Amino acid sequence: MDADRGLVEAAAAGSRDAFDELVRRYQGPIVNLARALTAGSADAEDLAQEVFVRAWRSIAGFRGESTFRTWLHRVALNVIHSHRSRLGRFRRVFQASSDPEGNDASERAPDQSDLEEELVRRDAIDRALGTLPDDLRDAVTLRDIQGLDYREIAAALQVPIGTVESRIFRARQRLRPLLEPLRRR
C-alpha cells in the first residue's frame, strides 16, 4: 500500500498543497541521494529542486504501478544522471584547456584540520562512493543511504532484483577497504 496515495491523487488533480506535503516528506532523502550520487556536490539542493519540478510536471501521468517513493527516486536518478553527463562533458572541455596535466582540483584531499569530524566522515564516504561505477553507486546508495528495499531499487533502476543484489554486493566489496579507516576512529 502506498502511504502517499491520497496526496499523489490530490496533487495529480492540481492540489499544490498536496504536492507541497510530498516535497516536505521527501526533500531530505532526495537531497541526500543527490549528494551521495554526486560525491557531495554543492549542486545537490539544486538537483533536488529540479527533481521536484519534474515530478510536479509529470505527476498527472503517474500510473501507480509502483509506490510514489519508488517513482520519485526514478525521477531523481534520471535528473542526477543527466547532470553527471552534462558535468562530464563540461569538465572534459574546460579541463583540457585549463590544466594540461589533467589534475582535477576536486580529487585533492581537503584540509581536514579545519573540518569537523562528521564532515570528514561524510567527505570520505562521498569520495569512496565516487570511485564506484554509476550502476554500483546507484544501487548501494539507494539501499544503504536511502533505505529502499530490493524490490523498490529494482523498480527505480529498471533492472531485475538479482542484478540489484549483485550490484550491491560488488559495491560493498569495493567500498569496504576504502572505508576501513573510518571504522578505526
Protein backbone atom coordinates (compact mmCIF):
# COMPACT_ATOMS: atom_id res chain seq x y z
CA MET A 1 0.00 0.00 0.00
CA ASP A 2 1.32 3.41 -0.94
CA ALA A 3 1.12 5.71 2.09
CA ASP A 4 1.29 8.69 -0.26
CA ARG A 5 -1.59 7.65 -2.50
CA GLY A 6 -4.10 10.27 -1.31
CA LEU A 7 -1.59 13.10 -1.62
CA VAL A 8 -0.49 11.88 -5.04
CA GLU A 9 -4.07 11.75 -6.29
CA ALA A 10 -4.77 15.24 -4.95
CA ALA A 11 -1.53 16.58 -6.45
CA ALA A 12 -2.35 14.94 -9.80
CA ALA A 13 -5.70 16.74 -9.67
CA GLY A 14 -3.84 20.03 -9.25
CA SER A 15 -3.54 20.48 -5.48
CA ARG A 16 -0.39 22.45 -4.80
CA ASP A 17 -0.82 21.90 -1.04
CA ALA A 18 -0.79 18.12 -1.51
CA PHE A 19 2.33 18.32 -3.64
CA ASP A 20 4.00 20.63 -1.11
CA GLU A 21 3.40 17.96 1.54
CA LEU A 22 5.04 15.35 -0.70
CA VAL A 23 8.01 17.69 -1.11
CA ARG A 24 8.25 18.08 2.69
CA ARG A 25 8.22 14.30 3.11
CA TYR A 26 10.88 13.58 0.51
CA GLN A 27 13.09 16.65 0.23
CA GLY A 28 15.69 15.44 2.76
CA PRO A 29 16.06 11.97 1.25
CA ILE A 30 16.26 13.33 -2.30
CA VAL A 31 18.91 15.92 -1.33
CA ASN A 32 20.86 13.13 0.39
CA LEU A 33 20.56 10.94 -2.69
CA ALA A 34 21.80 13.74 -4.94
CA ARG A 35 24.67 14.48 -2.57
CA ALA A 36 25.69 10.82 -2.41
CA LEU A 37 25.48 10.25 -6.15
CA THR A 38 27.43 13.41 -6.99
CA ALA A 39 30.22 12.84 -4.44
CA GLY A 40 28.99 15.57 -2.14
CA SER A 41 28.45 18.13 -4.86
CA ALA A 42 27.27 21.57 -3.86
CA ASP A 43 24.66 21.12 -6.59
CA ALA A 44 22.67 18.58 -4.54
CA GLU A 45 19.97 21.02 -3.43
CA ASP A 46 19.58 22.40 -6.95
CA LEU A 47 19.28 18.87 -8.30
CA ALA A 48 16.64 18.04 -5.69
CA GLN A 49 14.69 21.12 -6.70
CA GLU A 50 14.87 20.00 -10.33
CA VAL A 51 13.61 16.56 -9.30
CA PHE A 52 10.53 18.10 -7.68
CA VAL A 53 9.90 20.41 -10.63
CA ARG A 54 9.95 17.40 -12.95
CA ALA A 55 7.78 15.42 -10.56
CA TRP A 56 5.21 18.23 -10.43
CA ARG A 57 5.11 18.42 -14.22
CA SER A 58 4.73 14.64 -14.53
CA ILE A 59 2.59 13.68 -11.55
CA ALA A 60 -0.62 13.61 -13.57
CA GLY A 61 0.95 10.81 -15.61
CA PHE A 62 1.94 8.75 -12.55
CA ARG A 63 0.13 5.44 -13.05
CA GLY A 64 0.69 3.96 -9.59
CA GLU A 65 2.46 0.86 -10.90
CA SER A 66 4.98 1.42 -8.10
CA THR A 67 4.86 3.48 -4.93
CA PHE A 68 5.29 7.22 -5.25
CA ARG A 69 8.57 6.90 -3.34
CA THR A 70 9.96 4.48 -5.94
CA TRP A 71 8.73 6.64 -8.82
CA LEU A 72 10.26 9.77 -7.27
CA HIS A 73 13.60 8.00 -6.86
CA ARG A 74 13.46 7.03 -10.55
CA VAL A 75 12.86 10.69 -11.46
CA ALA A 76 15.77 11.67 -9.19
CA LEU A 77 18.10 9.13 -10.80
CA ASN A 78 17.23 10.46 -14.25
CA VAL A 79 17.92 14.06 -13.17
CA ILE A 80 21.20 13.11 -11.47
CA HIS A 81 22.40 11.00 -14.40
CA SER A 82 21.68 13.87 -16.79
CA HIS A 83 23.57 16.24 -14.50
CA ARG A 84 26.59 13.92 -14.29
CA SER A 85 26.61 13.52 -18.04
CA ARG A 86 26.50 17.30 -18.64
CA LEU A 87 29.13 17.87 -15.97
CA GLY A 88 31.41 15.24 -17.51
CA ARG A 89 31.21 16.90 -20.92
CA PHE A 90 31.78 20.32 -19.35
CA ARG A 91 34.84 19.11 -17.42
CA ARG A 92 36.38 17.47 -20.48
CA VAL A 93 36.10 20.70 -22.44
CA PHE A 94 37.45 23.01 -19.76
CA GLN A 95 39.92 20.67 -18.10
CA ALA A 96 41.76 20.13 -21.35
CA SER A 97 42.26 23.86 -21.76
CA SER A 98 42.93 24.84 -18.13
CA ASP A 99 45.18 22.05 -16.81
CA PRO A 100 47.41 20.31 -19.34
CA GLU A 101 48.40 17.64 -16.78
CA GLY A 102 44.73 16.71 -16.20
CA ASN A 103 44.74 17.30 -12.44
CA ASP A 104 41.26 17.71 -11.04
CA ALA A 105 41.08 20.01 -8.00
CA SER A 106 38.08 18.08 -6.69
CA GLU A 107 40.27 14.98 -6.29
CA ARG A 108 42.72 16.64 -3.90
CA ALA A 109 42.29 15.84 -0.21
CA PRO A 110 40.59 18.57 1.80
CA ASP A 111 42.36 20.36 4.62
CA GLN A 112 40.92 18.17 7.37
CA SER A 113 42.31 20.27 10.20
CA ASP A 114 39.54 22.82 9.62
CA LEU A 115 36.69 20.33 9.27
CA GLU A 116 34.57 18.84 11.98
CA GLU A 117 34.63 15.05 12.38
CA GLU A 118 31.26 14.48 10.73
CA LEU A 119 32.19 16.50 7.67
CA VAL A 120 35.40 14.50 7.31
CA ARG A 121 33.44 11.27 7.60
CA ARG A 122 30.83 12.37 5.06
CA ASP A 123 33.55 13.50 2.67
CA ALA A 124 35.30 10.12 2.93
CA ILE A 125 32.05 8.32 2.19
CA ASP A 126 31.27 10.61 -0.76
CA ARG A 127 34.76 10.07 -2.18
CA ALA A 128 34.52 6.31 -1.75
CA LEU A 129 31.14 6.29 -3.49
CA GLY A 130 32.64 8.46 -6.22
CA THR A 131 35.11 5.70 -7.10
CA LEU A 132 32.32 3.30 -8.00
CA PRO A 133 30.85 2.94 -11.47
CA ASP A 134 27.44 4.60 -11.72
CA ASP A 135 25.46 1.33 -11.71
CA LEU A 136 27.07 0.12 -8.46
CA ARG A 137 26.92 3.55 -6.82
CA ASP A 138 23.23 3.96 -7.63
CA ALA A 139 22.28 0.56 -6.21
CA VAL A 140 24.27 0.78 -2.97
CA THR A 141 23.19 4.38 -2.35
CA LEU A 142 19.52 3.57 -2.80
CA ARG A 143 19.89 0.64 -0.36
CA ASP A 144 22.33 1.82 2.29
CA ILE A 145 21.71 5.57 2.32
CA GLN A 146 18.11 5.89 1.12
CA GLY A 147 16.85 2.67 2.73
CA LEU A 148 14.88 1.40 -0.25
CA ASP A 149 14.21 -2.33 -0.32
CA TYR A 150 15.48 -4.50 -3.16
CA ARG A 151 12.13 -4.52 -4.97
CA GLU A 152 11.96 -0.72 -4.90
CA ILE A 153 15.54 -0.45 -6.12
CA ALA A 154 14.84 -2.87 -8.96
CA ALA A 155 11.84 -0.77 -9.99
CA ALA A 156 13.75 2.52 -9.72
CA LEU A 157 16.72 1.21 -11.71
CA GLN A 158 14.53 -0.83 -14.05
CA VAL A 159 16.60 -3.99 -13.59
CA PRO A 160 15.88 -7.46 -12.12
CA ILE A 161 16.23 -7.96 -8.36
CA GLY A 162 19.14 -10.36 -8.93
CA THR A 163 21.02 -7.58 -10.69
CA VAL A 164 20.33 -5.24 -7.75
CA GLU A 165 21.65 -7.85 -5.31
CA SER A 166 24.78 -8.38 -7.39
CA ARG A 167 25.47 -4.66 -7.75
CA ILE A 168 25.06 -4.02 -4.04
CA PHE A 169 27.33 -6.94 -3.16
CA ARG A 170 30.05 -5.78 -5.57
CA ALA A 171 29.73 -2.15 -4.42
CA ARG A 172 30.10 -3.12 -0.77
CA GLN A 173 33.16 -5.25 -1.61
CA ARG A 174 34.80 -2.25 -3.29
CA LEU A 175 33.80 0.19 -0.55
CA ARG A 176 34.96 -1.94 2.39
CA PRO A 177 38.72 -1.27 2.04
CA LEU A 178 38.13 2.40 1.21
CA LEU A 179 36.03 2.95 4.31
CA GLU A 180 38.10 0.82 6.69
CA PRO A 181 39.93 3.88 8.13
CA LEU A 182 36.55 5.23 9.31
CA ARG A 183 35.97 2.12 11.41
CA ARG A 184 39.22 2.71 13.31
CA ARG A 185 38.20 6.19 14.55
